[in-house]
Protein backbone atom coordinates (compact mmCIF):
# COMPACT_ATOMS: atom_id res chain seq x y z
CA MET A 1 -19.03 5.86 -24.24
CA ASP A 2 -16.61 7.05 -26.87
CA ILE A 3 -12.85 7.00 -26.25
CA THR A 4 -12.67 10.78 -26.73
CA GLU A 5 -15.31 11.28 -24.02
CA LEU A 6 -13.35 9.04 -21.67
CA TYR A 7 -10.13 10.94 -22.43
CA HIS A 8 -11.89 14.26 -21.86
CA PHE A 9 -13.31 13.06 -18.54
CA LEU A 10 -10.05 11.59 -17.20
CA PHE A 11 -7.62 14.29 -18.26
CA GLU A 12 -9.63 17.49 -18.63
CA THR A 13 -12.01 17.51 -15.65
CA PRO A 14 -11.13 17.77 -11.96
CA GLU A 15 -13.26 14.72 -11.15
CA GLY A 16 -11.45 12.62 -13.75
CA VAL A 17 -8.03 13.67 -12.47
CA GLY A 18 -9.18 12.80 -8.96
CA CYS A 19 -10.23 9.36 -10.19
CA LEU A 20 -6.81 8.84 -11.78
CA VAL A 21 -5.01 9.89 -8.59
CA GLY A 22 -7.23 7.62 -6.47
CA ILE A 23 -6.69 4.64 -8.77
CA CYS A 24 -2.92 5.19 -8.72
CA LEU A 25 -2.90 5.36 -4.91
CA VAL A 26 -4.89 2.15 -4.56
CA LEU A 27 -2.72 0.29 -7.07
CA SER A 28 0.46 1.52 -5.35
CA LEU A 29 -0.84 0.35 -1.98
CA ILE A 30 -1.68 -3.10 -3.35
CA VAL A 31 1.76 -3.45 -4.94
CA CYS A 32 3.49 -2.33 -1.73
CA VAL A 33 1.59 -4.86 0.40
CA ILE A 34 2.40 -7.68 -2.03
CA MET A 35 6.09 -6.74 -2.10
CA GLU A 36 6.25 -6.46 1.71
CA ARG A 37 4.75 -9.93 2.15
CA ARG A 38 7.17 -11.45 -0.36
CA THR A 39 10.10 -9.79 1.41
CA ARG A 40 8.94 -11.09 4.80
CA LYS A 41 8.72 -14.64 3.40
CA ARG A 42 12.15 -14.42 1.78
CA PHE A 43 13.94 -13.10 4.88
CA ALA A 44 11.96 -14.98 7.53
CA ASP A 45 15.09 -16.57 9.00
CA ARG A 46 16.63 -13.23 10.04
CA PRO A 47 16.07 -12.14 13.64
CA LYS A 48 14.37 -8.85 14.38
CA GLY A 49 16.46 -6.02 15.74
CA GLU A 50 15.39 -3.33 18.20
CA ASP A 51 14.80 -0.79 15.42
CA ASP A 52 12.81 -3.12 13.16
CA TRP A 53 9.09 -2.56 12.72
CA SER A 54 6.40 -4.03 10.54
CA ILE A 55 3.04 -2.80 9.34
CA PHE A 56 1.62 -6.31 9.74
CA ASP A 57 2.55 -6.93 13.38
CA ASP A 58 0.15 -6.15 16.20
CA ASP A 59 1.35 -3.59 18.71
CA ASP A 60 -0.86 -5.18 21.38
CA GLU A 61 1.62 -8.02 21.82
CA ASP A 62 4.46 -5.58 22.57
CA GLU A 63 2.36 -3.70 25.10
CA GLU A 64 1.50 -6.92 26.96
CA LYS A 65 5.17 -7.89 27.22
CA GLU A 66 6.11 -4.51 28.73
CA ASP A 67 3.45 -4.72 31.47
C-alpha cells in the first residue's frame, strides 16, 4: 500500500475518517484510565467524601450497606 493511498483512505473517505475517530476515542479512553489509576494511587491516603465517585468502584457494595 502506497502512502498516498493510505492518505486518501484516511482523510478523503467516510470510512477512513470513521477509523480515525474510532482510533482517537480508543486512545483517549486508554489514556484516561491510566491517568485515573495513577491519581488514585497518588491520593490513596485521602478519605472519600459524600460527593466522591469512582468509575472503578462497584455500586453493589453501596447497595448492600443501605439494605
